[in-house]
Amino acid sequence: MARSTEKTTTARAPRKPRPKLQTADIEQELGEEATTEEIEVPKQPKHREVGPATQKVIDRILELRRGGMGYPTICKTLNDEKVPTFKGGETWYPPVVRGICMRNGVERGAKAEAE
């Protein structure tokens, strides 16, 4: 059976553009300039609750970073020590370690804060 070389297309309804909520729209609704209190923005939690095993790994990462190690070296150390990732994986990656250090305000060689 030979196929037809003609292309068939189905008609689609044109997409309607989604309305975007702009500051100007909010100001128009309020009749004045909008302030940040009036524009509801979801806030991220400042601190995450972690279990003792997770905290132990975080403390180890921060300790290595304070000791002057770079992110790839910290990953290699954790991988060599067979430390599982927070999601149960086997491999640590520099961006993950960097994120942990950044969230905890630790720069390379930074002195540990007195507790």
PDB file of N, CA and C in Angstrom:
ATOM      1  N   MET A   1       0.843  -1.170   0.000  1.00  0.00           N
ATOM      2  CA  MET A   1       0.000   0.000   0.000  1.00  0.00           C
ATOM      3  C   MET A   1       0.892   1.239   0.000  1.00  0.00           C
ATOM      4  N   ALA A   2       0.691   2.097  -0.921  1.00  0.00           N
ATOM      5  CA  ALA A   2       1.524   3.290  -1.067  1.00  0.00           C
ATOM      6  C   ALA A   2       1.013   4.398  -0.154  1.00  0.00           C
ATOM      7  N   ARG A   3       1.976   5.090   0.435  1.00  0.00           N
ATOM      8  CA  ARG A   3       1.619   6.209   1.314  1.00  0.00           C
ATOM      9  C   ARG A   3       1.466   7.477   0.500  1.00  0.00           C
ATOM     10  N   SER A   4       0.590   8.295   0.925  1.00  0.00           N
ATOM     11  CA  SER A   4       0.382   9.582   0.277  1.00  0.00           C
ATOM     12  C   SER A   4       1.498  10.526   0.698  1.00  0.00           C
ATOM     13  N   THR A   5       1.983  11.309  -0.222  1.00  0.00           N
ATOM     14  CA  THR A   5       3.049  12.258   0.093  1.00  0.00           C
ATOM     15  C   THR A   5       2.505  13.576   0.610  1.00  0.00           C
ATOM     16  N   GLU A   6       1.209  13.731   0.623  1.00  0.00           N
ATOM     17  CA  GLU A   6       0.598  14.957   1.113  1.00  0.00           C
ATOM     18  C   GLU A   6       0.643  14.976   2.640  1.00  0.00           C
ATOM     19  N   LYS A   7       0.981  16.124   3.173  1.00  0.00           N
ATOM     20  CA  LYS A   7       1.009  16.269   4.629  1.00  0.00           C
ATOM     21  C   LYS A   7      -0.372  16.653   5.117  1.00  0.00           C
ATOM     22  N   THR A   8      -0.772  16.007   6.181  1.00  0.00           N
ATOM     23  CA  THR A   8      -2.055  16.367   6.769  1.00  0.00           C
ATOM     24  C   THR A   8      -1.791  17.038   8.107  1.00  0.00           C
ATOM     25  N   THR A   9      -2.538  18.041   8.370  1.00  0.00           N
ATOM     26  CA  THR A   9      -2.413  18.746   9.641  1.00  0.00           C
ATOM     27  C   THR A   9      -3.773  18.849  10.285  1.00  0.00           C
ATOM     28  N   THR A  10      -3.751  18.894  11.585  1.00  0.00           N
ATOM     29  CA  THR A  10      -4.999  19.089  12.303  1.00  0.00           C
ATOM     30  C   THR A  10      -5.045  20.527  12.785  1.00  0.00           C
ATOM     31  N   ALA A  11      -6.204  21.081  12.755  1.00  0.00           N
ATOM     32  CA  ALA A  11      -6.362  22.471  13.176  1.00  0.00           C
ATOM     33  C   ALA A  11      -6.312  22.548  14.699  1.00  0.00           C
ATOM     34  N   ARG A  12      -5.546  23.487  15.176  1.00  0.00           N
ATOM     35  CA  ARG A  12      -5.459  23.729  16.615  1.00  0.00           C
ATOM     36  C   ARG A  12      -6.055  25.084  16.918  1.00  0.00           C
ATOM     37  N   ALA A  13      -6.655  25.145  18.062  1.00  0.00           N
ATOM     38  CA  ALA A  13      -7.170  26.440  18.497  1.00  0.00           C
ATOM     39  C   ALA A  13      -5.977  27.315  18.867  1.00  0.00           C
ATOM     40  N   PRO A  14      -6.004  28.583  18.524  1.00  0.00           N
ATOM     41  CA  PRO A  14      -4.872  29.447  18.878  1.00  0.00           C
ATOM     42  C   PRO A  14      -4.758  29.558  20.397  1.00  0.00           C
ATOM     43  N   ARG A  15      -3.522  29.614  20.859  1.00  0.00           N
ATOM     44  CA  ARG A  15      -3.287  29.749  22.297  1.00  0.00           C
ATOM     45  C   ARG A  15      -3.642  31.146  22.764  1.00  0.00           C
ATOM     46  N   LYS A  16      -4.256  31.178  23.910  1.00  0.00           N
ATOM     47  CA  LYS A  16      -4.558  32.473  24.509  1.00  0.00           C
ATOM     48  C   LYS A  16      -3.362  32.866  25.362  1.00  0.00           C
ATOM     49  N   PRO A  17      -2.901  34.073  25.247  1.00  0.00           N
ATOM     50  CA  PRO A  17      -1.767  34.480  26.087  1.00  0.00           C
ATOM     51  C   PRO A  17      -2.194  34.521  27.552  1.00  0.00           C
ATOM     52  N   ARG A  18      -1.294  34.059  28.396  1.00  0.00           N
ATOM     53  CA  ARG A  18      -1.574  34.094  29.832  1.00  0.00           C
ATOM     54  C   ARG A  18      -1.404  35.515  30.346  1.00  0.00           C
ATOM     55  N   PRO A  19      -2.314  35.961  31.168  1.00  0.00           N
ATOM     56  CA  PRO A  19      -2.132  37.306  31.726  1.00  0.00           C
ATOM     57  C   PRO A  19      -1.002  37.292  32.754  1.00  0.00           C
ATOM     58  N   LYS A  20      -0.155  38.294  32.658  1.00  0.00           N
ATOM     59  CA  LYS A  20       0.943  38.414  33.603  1.00  0.00           C
ATOM     60  C   LYS A  20       0.591  39.494  34.607  1.00  0.00           C
ATOM     61  N   LEU A  21       0.813  39.178  35.858  1.00  0.00           N
ATOM     62  CA  LEU A  21       0.517  40.135  36.914  1.00  0.00           C
ATOM     63  C   LEU A  21       1.725  41.049  37.071  1.00  0.00           C
ATOM     64  N   GLN A  22       1.553  42.277  36.704  1.00  0.00           N
ATOM     65  CA  GLN A  22       2.618  43.259  36.784  1.00  0.00           C
ATOM     66  C   GLN A  22       2.370  44.171  37.977  1.00  0.00           C
ATOM     67  N   THR A  23       3.431  44.797  38.434  1.00  0.00           N
ATOM     68  CA  THR A  23       3.302  45.744  39.537  1.00  0.00           C
ATOM     69  C   THR A  23       2.313  46.840  39.172  1.00  0.00           C
ATOM     70  N   ALA A  24       2.338  47.253  37.907  1.00  0.00           N
ATOM     71  CA  ALA A  24       1.416  48.310  37.465  1.00  0.00           C
ATOM     72  C   ALA A  24      -0.037  47.859  37.622  1.00  0.00           C
ATOM     73  N   ASP A  25      -0.319  46.574  37.344  1.00  0.00           N
ATOM     74  CA  ASP A  25      -1.672  46.051  37.508  1.00  0.00           C
ATOM     75  C   ASP A  25      -2.105  46.105  38.970  1.00  0.00           C
ATOM     76  N   ILE A  26      -1.201  45.742  39.848  1.00  0.00           N
ATOM     77  CA  ILE A  26      -1.513  45.760  41.279  1.00  0.00           C
ATOM     78  C   ILE A  26      -1.748  47.193  41.735  1.00  0.00           C
ATOM     79  N   GLU A  27      -0.898  48.098  41.261  1.00  0.00           N
ATOM     80  CA  GLU A  27      -1.051  49.504  41.631  1.00  0.00           C
ATOM     81  C   GLU A  27      -2.385  50.055  41.138  1.00  0.00           C
ATOM     82  N   GLN A  28      -2.794  49.629  39.943  1.00  0.00           N
ATOM     83  CA  GLN A  28      -4.066  50.096  39.396  1.00  0.00           C
ATOM     84  C   GLN A  28      -5.218  49.585  40.250  1.00  0.00           C
ATOM     85  N   GLU A  29      -5.133  48.321  40.686  1.00  0.00           N
ATOM     86  CA  GLU A  29      -6.191  47.773  41.537  1.00  0.00           C
ATOM     87  C   GLU A  29      -6.257  48.497  42.866  1.00  0.00           C
ATOM     88  N   LEU A  30      -5.103  48.821  43.416  1.00  0.00           N
ATOM     89  CA  LEU A  30      -5.067  49.461  44.727  1.00  0.00           C
ATOM     90  C   LEU A  30      -5.281  50.970  44.635  1.00  0.00           C
ATOM     91  N   GLY A  31      -5.056  51.524  43.451  1.00  0.00           N
ATOM     92  CA  GLY A  31      -5.218  52.965  43.280  1.00  0.00           C
ATOM     93  C   GLY A  31      -4.060  53.757  43.835  1.00  0.00           C
ATOM     94  N   GLU A  32      -2.956  53.102  44.099  1.00  0.00           N
ATOM     95  CA  GLU A  32      -1.774  53.777  44.625  1.00  0.00           C
ATOM     96  C   GLU A  32      -0.571  52.898  44.338  1.00  0.00           C
ATOM     97  N   GLU A  33       0.595  53.361  44.733  1.00  0.00           N
ATOM     98  CA  GLU A  33       1.793  52.560  44.532  1.00  0.00           C
ATOM     99  C   GLU A  33       1.757  51.335  45.456  1.00  0.00           C
ATOM    100  N   ALA A  34       2.106  50.194  44.889  1.00  0.00           N
ATOM    101  CA  ALA A  34       2.116  48.962  45.676  1.00  0.00           C
ATOM    102  C   ALA A  34       3.406  48.880  46.479  1.00  0.00           C
ATOM    103  N   THR A  35       3.284  48.406  47.689  1.00  0.00           N
ATOM    104  CA  THR A  35       4.469  48.187  48.513  1.00  0.00           C
ATOM    105  C   THR A  35       4.720  46.692  48.594  1.00  0.00           C
ATOM    106  N   THR A  36       5.885  46.337  49.091  1.00  0.00           N
ATOM    107  CA  THR A  36       6.219  44.912  49.164  1.00  0.00           C
ATOM    108  C   THR A  36       5.300  44.166  50.119  1.00  0.00           C
ATOM    109  N   GLU A  37       4.714  44.856  51.089  1.00  0.00           N
ATOM    110  CA  GLU A  37       3.795  44.188  52.009  1.00  0.00           C
ATOM    111  C   GLU A  37       2.506  43.788  51.291  1.00  0.00           C
ATOM    112  N   GLU A  38       2.133  44.564  50.277  1.00  0.00           N
ATOM    113  CA  GLU A  38       0.888  44.293  49.574  1.00  0.00           C
ATOM    114  C   GLU A  38       1.039  43.232  48.491  1.00  0.00           C
ATOM    115  N   ILE A  39       2.260  43.007  48.023  1.00  0.00           N
ATOM    116  CA  ILE A  39       2.513  41.982  47.013  1.00  0.00           C
ATOM    117  C   ILE A  39       2.966  40.727  47.753  1.00  0.00           C
ATOM    118  N   GLU A  40       2.131  39.709  47.701  1.00  0.00           N
ATOM    119  CA  GLU A  40       2.428  38.498  48.454  1.00  0.00           C
ATOM    120  C   GLU A  40       3.501  37.679  47.742  1.00  0.00           C
ATOM    121  N   VAL A  41       4.619  37.460  48.415  1.00  0.00           N
ATOM    122  CA  VAL A  41       5.722  36.681  47.875  1.00  0.00           C
ATOM    123  C   VAL A  41       5.986  35.534  48.847  1.00  0.00           C
ATOM    124  N   PRO A  42       5.973  34.287  48.349  1.00  0.00           N
ATOM    125  CA  PRO A  42       6.249  33.181  49.263  1.00  0.00           C
ATOM    126  C   PRO A  42       7.676  33.259  49.789  1.00  0.00           C
ATOM    127  N   LYS A  43       7.833  32.996  51.067  1.00  0.00           N
ATOM    128  CA  LYS A  43       9.144  33.076  51.694  1.00  0.00           C
ATOM    129  C   LYS A  43       9.700  31.676  51.919  1.00  0.00           C
ATOM    130  N   GLN A  44      10.994  31.554  51.713  1.00  0.00           N
ATOM    131  CA  GLN A  44      11.685  30.293  51.927  1.00  0.00           C
ATOM    132  C   GLN A  44      12.022  30.171  53.417  1.00  0.00           C
ATOM    133  N   PRO A  45      11.953  28.971  53.958  1.00  0.00           N
ATOM    134  CA  PRO A  45      12.355  28.815  55.354  1.00  0.00           C
ATOM    135  C   PRO A  45      13.853  29.103  55.492  1.00  0.00           C
ATOM    136  N   LYS A  46      14.223  29.758  56.579  1.00  0.00           N
ATOM    137  CA  LYS A  46      15.628  30.109  56.777  1.00  0.00           C
ATOM    138  C   LYS A  46      16.455  28.916  57.231  1.00  0.00           C
ATOM    139  N   HIS A  47      15.868  28.054  58.024  1.00  0.00           N
ATOM    140  CA  HIS A  47      16.607  26.907  58.534  1.00  0.00           C
ATOM    141  C   HIS A  47      15.830  25.638  58.241  1.00  0.00           C
ATOM    142  N   ARG A  48      16.547  24.645  57.812  1.00  0.00           N
ATOM    143  CA  ARG A  48      15.930  23.350  57.564  1.00  0.00           C
ATOM    144  C   ARG A  48      16.212  22.442  58.747  1.00  0.00           C
ATOM    145  N   GLU A  49      15.217  21.689  59.116  1.00  0.00           N
ATOM    146  CA  GLU A  49      15.406  20.715  60.186  1.00  0.00           C
ATOM    147  C   GLU A  49      16.071  19.489  59.578  1.00  0.00           C
ATOM    148  N   VAL A  50      17.189  19.073  60.145  1.00  0.00           N
ATOM    149  CA  VAL A  50      17.889  17.894  59.650  1.00  0.00           C
ATOM    150  C   VAL A  50      18.115  16.921  60.795  1.00  0.00           C
ATOM    151  N   GLY A  51      18.215  15.661  60.447  1.00  0.00           N
ATOM    152  CA  GLY A  51      18.456  14.630  61.443  1.00  0.00           C
ATOM    153  C   GLY A  51      19.911  14.616  61.875  1.00  0.00           C
ATOM    154  N   PRO A  52      20.221  13.857  62.925  1.00  0.00           N
ATOM    155  CA  PRO A  52      21.594  13.824  63.445  1.00  0.00           C
ATOM    156  C   PRO A  52      22.606  13.255  62.446  1.00  0.00           C
ATOM    157  N   ALA A  53      22.218  12.265  61.651  1.00  0.00           N
ATOM    158  CA  ALA A  53      23.152  11.689  60.675  1.00  0.00           C
ATOM    159  C   ALA A  53      23.473  12.708  59.591  1.00  0.00           C
ATOM    160  N   THR A  54      22.445  13.422  59.125  1.00  0.00           N
ATOM    161  CA  THR A  54      22.644  14.451  58.107  1.00  0.00           C
ATOM    162  C   THR A  54      23.505  15.580  58.656  1.00  0.00           C
ATOM    163  N   GLN A  55      23.245  15.982  59.891  1.00  0.00           N
ATOM    164  CA  GLN A  55      24.019  17.058  60.507  1.00  0.00           C
ATOM    165  C   GLN A  55      25.479  16.659  60.649  1.00  0.00           C
ATOM    166  N   LYS A  56      25.726  15.392  60.917  1.00  0.00           N
ATOM    167  CA  LYS A  56      27.106  14.901  61.049  1.00  0.00           C
ATOM    168  C   LYS A  56      27.847  15.053  59.712  1.00  0.00           C
ATOM    169  N   VAL A  57      27.177  14.731  58.611  1.00  0.00           N
ATOM    170  CA  VAL A  57      27.781  14.875  57.283  1.00  0.00           C
ATOM    171  C   VAL A  57      28.017  16.346  56.969  1.00  0.00           C
ATOM    172  N   ILE A  58      27.034  17.198  57.275  1.00  0.00           N
ATOM    173  CA  ILE A  58      27.189  18.635  57.038  1.00  0.00           C
ATOM    174  C   ILE A  58      28.378  19.177  57.826  1.00  0.00           C
ATOM    175  N   ASP A  59      28.486  18.777  59.090  1.00  0.00           N
ATOM    176  CA  ASP A  59      29.604  19.231  59.919  1.00  0.00           C
ATOM    177  C   ASP A  59      30.939  18.783  59.339  1.00  0.00           C
ATOM    178  N   ARG A  60      30.986  17.566  58.818  1.00  0.00           N
ATOM    179  CA  ARG A  60      32.219  17.046  58.197  1.00  0.00           C
ATOM    180  C   ARG A  60      32.582  17.874  56.972  1.00  0.00           C
ATOM    181  N   ILE A  61      31.602  18.183  56.124  1.00  0.00           N
ATOM    182  CA  ILE A  61      31.853  18.993  54.932  1.00  0.00           C
ATOM    183  C   ILE A  61      32.376  20.375  55.322  1.00  0.00           C
ATOM    184  N   LEU A  62      31.747  20.988  56.316  1.00  0.00           N
ATOM    185  CA  LEU A  62      32.165  22.321  56.748  1.00  0.00           C
ATOM    186  C   LEU A  62      33.558  22.290  57.357  1.00  0.00           C
ATOM    187  N   GLU A  63      33.860  21.227  58.084  1.00  0.00           N
ATOM    188  CA  GLU A  63      35.185  21.067  58.687  1.00  0.00           C
ATOM    189  C   GLU A  63      36.259  20.983  57.592  1.00  0.00           C
ATOM    190  N   LEU A  64      35.986  20.184  56.558  1.00  0.00           N
ATOM    191  CA  LEU A  64      36.941  20.046  55.454  1.00  0.00           C
ATOM    192  C   LEU A  64      37.119  21.370  54.715  1.00  0.00           C
ATOM    193  N   ARG A  65      36.019  22.081  54.521  1.00  0.00           N
ATOM    194  CA  ARG A  65      36.087  23.369  53.829  1.00  0.00           C
ATOM    195  C   ARG A  65      36.870  24.387  54.640  1.00  0.00           C
ATOM    196  N   ARG A  66      36.616  24.433  55.933  1.00  0.00           N
ATOM    197  CA  ARG A  66      37.359  25.360  56.806  1.00  0.00           C
ATOM    198  C   ARG A  66      38.846  25.023  56.817  1.00  0.00           C
ATOM    199  N   GLY A  67      39.154  23.743  56.605  1.00  0.00           N
ATOM    200  CA  GLY A  67      40.543  23.306  56.562  1.00  0.00           C
ATOM    201  C   GLY A  67      41.240  23.691  55.264  1.00  0.00           C
ATOM    202  N   GLY A  68      40.496  24.269  54.310  1.00  0.00           N
ATOM    203  CA  GLY A  68      41.116  24.755  53.089  1.00  0.00           C
ATOM    204  C   GLY A  68      40.885  23.889  51.869  1.00  0.00           C
ATOM    205  N   MET A  69      40.136  22.807  51.990  1.00  0.00           N
ATOM    206  CA  MET A  69      39.878  21.940  50.838  1.00  0.00           C
ATOM    207  C   MET A  69      38.914  22.593  49.862  1.00  0.00           C
ATOM    208  N   GLY A  70      39.109  22.306  48.582  1.00  0.00           N
ATOM    209  CA  GLY A  70      38.197  22.765  47.541  1.00  0.00           C
ATOM    210  C   GLY A  70      37.025  21.799  47.423  1.00  0.00           C
ATOM    211  N   TYR A  71      35.998  22.227  46.697  1.00  0.00           N
ATOM    212  CA  TYR A  71      34.789  21.406  46.560  1.00  0.00           C
ATOM    213  C   TYR A  71      35.066  20.049  45.903  1.00  0.00           C
ATOM    214  N   PRO A  72      35.855  19.972  44.815  1.00  0.00           N
ATOM    215  CA  PRO A  72      36.117  18.660  44.218  1.00  0.00           C
ATOM    216  C   PRO A  72      36.863  17.720  45.164  1.00  0.00           C
ATOM    217  N   THR A  73      37.791  18.271  45.950  1.00  0.00           N
ATOM    218  CA  THR A  73      38.560  17.445  46.890  1.00  0.00           C
ATOM    219  C   THR A  73      37.664  16.931  48.013  1.00  0.00           C
ATOM    220  N   ILE A  74      36.742  17.772  48.465  1.00  0.00           N
ATOM    221  CA  ILE A  74      35.791  17.334  49.494  1.00  0.00           C
ATOM    222  C   ILE A  74      34.937  16.198  48.936  1.00  0.00           C
ATOM    223  N   CYS A  75      34.480  16.343  47.695  1.00  0.00           N
ATOM    224  CA  CYS A  75      33.675  15.283  47.067  1.00  0.00           C
ATOM    225  C   CYS A  75      34.458  13.995  46.983  1.00  0.00           C
ATOM    226  N   LYS A  76      35.707  14.073  46.548  1.00  0.00           N
ATOM    227  CA  LYS A  76      36.542  12.870  46.441  1.00  0.00           C
ATOM    228  C   LYS A  76      36.705  12.211  47.807  1.00  0.00           C
ATOM    229  N   THR A  77      36.915  13.011  48.841  1.00  0.00           N
ATOM    230  CA  THR A  77      37.061  12.479  50.202  1.00  0.00           C
ATOM    231  C   THR A  77      35.787  11.762  50.635  1.00  0.00           C
ATOM    232  N   LEU A  78      34.639  12.403  50.462  1.00  0.00           N
ATOM    233  CA  LEU A  78      33.362  11.787  50.855  1.00  0.00           C
ATOM    234  C   LEU A  78      33.094  10.518  50.041  1.00  0.00           C
ATOM    235  N   ASN A  79      33.387  10.556  48.740  1.00  0.00           N
ATOM    236  CA  ASN A  79      33.177   9.376  47.892  1.00  0.00           C
ATOM    237  C   ASN A  79      34.111   8.240  48.300  1.00  0.00           C
ATOM    238  N   ASP A  80      35.383   8.567  48.605  1.00  0.00           N
ATOM    239  CA  ASP A  80      36.342   7.543  49.050  1.00  0.00           C
ATOM    240  C   ASP A  80      35.938   6.930  50.382  1.00  0.00           C
ATOM    241  N   GLU A  81      35.336   7.747  51.254  1.00  0.00           N
ATOM    242  CA  GLU A  81      34.882   7.263  52.561  1.00  0.00           C
ATOM    243  C   GLU A  81      33.521   6.577  52.472  1.00  0.00           C
ATOM    244  N   LYS A  82      32.946   6.506  51.267  1.00  0.00           N
ATOM    245  CA  LYS A  82      31.645   5.864  51.016  1.00  0.00           C
ATOM    246  C   LYS A  82      30.522   6.504  51.844  1.00  0.00           C
ATOM    247  N   VAL A  83      30.580   7.828  51.988  1.00  0.00           N
ATOM    248  CA  VAL A  83      29.530   8.556  52.699  1.00  0.00           C
ATOM    249  C   VAL A  83      28.354   8.709  51.737  1.00  0.00           C
ATOM    250  N   PRO A  84      27.167   8.185  52.084  1.00  0.00           N
ATOM    251  CA  PRO A  84      26.025   8.324  51.174  1.00  0.00           C
ATOM    252  C   PRO A  84      25.541   9.772  51.116  1.00  0.00           C
ATOM    253  N   THR A  85      24.986  10.144  49.956  1.00  0.00           N
ATOM    254  CA  THR A  85      24.422  11.486  49.817  1.00  0.00           C
ATOM    255  C   THR A  85      23.126  11.556  50.625  1.00  0.00           C
ATOM    256  N   PHE A  86      22.564  12.737  50.716  1.00  0.00           N
ATOM    257  CA  PHE A  86      21.339  12.910  51.500  1.00  0.00           C
ATOM    258  C   PHE A  86      20.159  12.151  50.919  1.00  0.00           C
ATOM    259  N   LYS A  87      20.215  11.863  49.621  1.00  0.00           N
ATOM    260  CA  LYS A  87      19.144  11.102  48.985  1.00  0.00           C
ATOM    261  C   LYS A  87      19.512   9.634  48.824  1.00  0.00           C
ATOM    262  N   GLY A  88      20.604   9.215  49.458  1.00  0.00           N
ATOM    263  CA  GLY A  88      20.999   7.812  49.420  1.00  0.00           C
ATOM    264  C   GLY A  88      21.902   7.432  48.264  1.00  0.00           C
ATOM    265  N   GLY A  89      22.347   8.397  47.484  1.00  0.00           N
ATOM    266  CA  GLY A  89      23.234   8.111  46.364  1.00  0.00           C
ATOM    267  C   GLY A  89      24.653   7.817  46.829  1.00  0.00           C
ATOM    268  N   GLU A  90      25.489   7.440  45.869  1.00  0.00           N
ATOM    269  CA  GLU A  90      26.869   7.075  46.191  1.00  0.00           C
ATOM    270  C   GLU A  90      27.876   8.154  45.822  1.00  0.00           C
ATOM    271  N   THR A  91      27.488   9.118  44.987  1.00  0.00           N
ATOM    272  CA  THR A  91      28.446  10.085  44.457  1.00  0.00           C
ATOM    273  C   THR A  91      28.106  11.510  44.875  1.00  0.00           C
ATOM    274  N   TRP A  92      29.095  12.181  45.447  1.00  0.00           N
ATOM    275  CA  TRP A  92      28.972  13.589  45.804  1.00  0.00           C
ATOM    276  C   TRP A  92      29.493  14.430  44.652  1.00  0.00           C
ATOM    277  N   TYR A  93      28.864  15.585  44.406  1.00  0.00           N
ATOM    278  CA  TYR A  93      29.260  16.479  43.330  1.00  0.00           C
ATOM    279  C   TYR A  93      29.565  17.865  43.888  1.00  0.00           C
ATOM    280  N   PRO A  94      30.562  18.559  43.293  1.00  0.00           N
ATOM    281  CA  PRO A  94      30.953  19.882  43.797  1.00  0.00           C
ATOM    282  C   PRO A  94      29.821  20.892  43.966  1.00  0.00           C
ATOM    283  N   PRO A  95      28.849  20.996  43.041  1.00  0.00           N
ATOM    284  CA  PRO A  95      27.786  21.990  43.271  1.00  0.00           C
ATOM    285  C   PRO A  95      26.954  21.715  44.525  1.00  0.00           C
ATOM    286  N   VAL A  96      26.797  20.439  44.872  1.00  0.00           N
ATOM    287  CA  VAL A  96      26.035  20.091  46.078  1.00  0.00           C
ATOM    288  C   VAL A  96      26.812  20.526  47.317  1.00  0.00           C
ATOM    289  N   VAL A  97      28.107  20.199  47.330  1.00  0.00           N
ATOM    290  CA  VAL A  97      28.955  20.571  48.468  1.00  0.00           C
ATOM    291  C   VAL A  97      29.049  22.087  48.575  1.00  0.00           C
ATOM    292  N   ARG A  98      29.163  22.760  47.441  1.00  0.00           N
ATOM    293  CA  ARG A  98      29.224  24.225  47.444  1.00  0.00           C
ATOM    294  C   ARG A  98      27.945  24.807  48.040  1.00  0.00           C
ATOM    295  N   GLY A  99      26.788  24.257  47.667  1.00  0.00           N
ATOM    296  CA  GLY A  99      25.514  24.739  48.201  1.00  0.00           C
ATOM    297  C   GLY A  99      25.442  24.590  49.709  1.00  0.00           C
ATOM    298  N   ILE A 100      25.926  23.470  50.221  1.00  0.00           N
ATOM    299  CA  ILE A 100      25.936  23.249  51.675  1.00  0.00           C
ATOM    300  C   ILE A 100      26.810  24.294  52.348  1.00  0.00           C
ATOM    301  N   CYS A 101      27.992  24.539  51.775  1.00  0.00           N
ATOM    302  CA  CYS A 101      28.902  25.526  52.362  1.00  0.00           C
ATOM    303  C   CYS A 101      28.315  26.929  52.288  1.00  0.00           C
ATOM    304  N   MET A 102      27.715  27.269  51.156  1.00  0.00           N
ATOM    305  CA  MET A 102      27.144  28.609  50.987  1.00  0.00           C
ATOM    306  C   MET A 102      25.980  28.840  51.958  1.00  0.00           C
ATOM    307  N   ARG A 103      25.122  27.831  52.124  1.00  0.00           N
ATOM    308  CA  ARG A 103      23.982  27.979  53.046  1.00  0.00           C
ATOM    309  C   ARG A 103      24.440  28.131  54.487  1.00  0.00           C
ATOM    310  N   ASN A 104      25.625  27.612  54.776  1.00  0.00           N
ATOM    311  CA  ASN A 104      26.135  27.691  56.142  1.00  0.00           C
ATOM    312  C   ASN A 104      27.178  28.787  56.307  1.00  0.00           C
ATOM    313  N   GLY A 105      27.375  29.604  55.278  1.00  0.00           N
ATOM    314  CA  GLY A 105      28.272  30.760  55.359  1.00  0.00           C
ATOM    315  C   GLY A 105      29.720  30.413  55.566  1.00  0.00           C
ATOM    316  N   VAL A 106      30.180  29.296  55.014  1.00  0.00           N
ATOM    317  CA  VAL A 106      31.571  28.893  55.219  1.00  0.00           C
ATOM    318  C   VAL A 106      32.364  29.133  53.945  1.00  0.00           C
ATOM    319  N   GLU A 107      33.396  29.948  54.075  1.00  0.00           N
ATOM    320  CA  GLU A 107      34.335  30.184  52.986  1.00  0.00           C
ATOM    321  C   GLU A 107      35.584  29.368  53.258  1.00  0.00           C
ATOM    322  N   ARG A 108      36.371  29.148  52.216  1.00  0.00           N
ATOM    323  CA  ARG A 108      37.598  28.367  52.377  1.00  0.00           C
ATOM    324  C   ARG A 108      38.495  28.991  53.444  1.00  0.00           C
ATOM    325  N   GLY A 109      38.962  28.170  54.350  1.00  0.00           N
ATOM    326  CA  GLY A 109      39.898  28.622  55.370  1.00  0.00           C
ATOM    327  C   GLY A 109      39.276  29.481  56.452  1.00  0.00           C
ATOM    328  N   ALA A 110      37.954  29.683  56.418  1.00  0.00           N
ATOM    329  CA  ALA A 110      37.308  30.509  57.449  1.00  0.00           C
ATOM    330  C   ALA A 110      37.464  29.841  58.805  1.00  0.00           C
ATOM    331  N   LYS A 111      37.717  30.632  59.796  1.00  0.00           N
ATOM    332  CA  LYS A 111      37.899  30.081  61.146  1.00  0.00           C
ATOM    333  C   LYS A 111      36.542  29.679  61.713  1.00  0.00           C
ATOM    334  N   ALA A 112      36.547  28.569  62.419  1.00  0.00           N
ATOM    335  CA  ALA A 112      35.329  28.098  63.064  1.00  0.00           C
ATOM    336  C   ALA A 112      34.896  29.092  64.132  1.00  0.00           C
ATOM    337  N   GLU A 113      33.599  29.358  64.177  1.00  0.00           N
ATOM    338  CA  GLU A 113      33.071  30.284  65.175  1.00  0.00           C
ATOM    339  C   GLU A 113      33.084  29.625  66.545  1.00  0.00           C
ATOM    340  N   ALA A 114      33.404  30.403  67.549  1.00  0.00           N
ATOM    341  CA  ALA A 114      33.379  29.893  68.915  1.00  0.00           C
ATOM    342  C   ALA A 114      31.920  29.687  69.327  1.00  0.00           C
ATOM    343  N   GLU A 115      31.643  28.519  69.867  1.00  0.00           N
ATOM    344  CA  GLU A 115      30.261  28.228  70.251  1.00  0.00           C
ATOM    345  C   GLU A 115      30.059  28.306  71.742  1.00  0.00           C
TER     346      GLU A 115
END
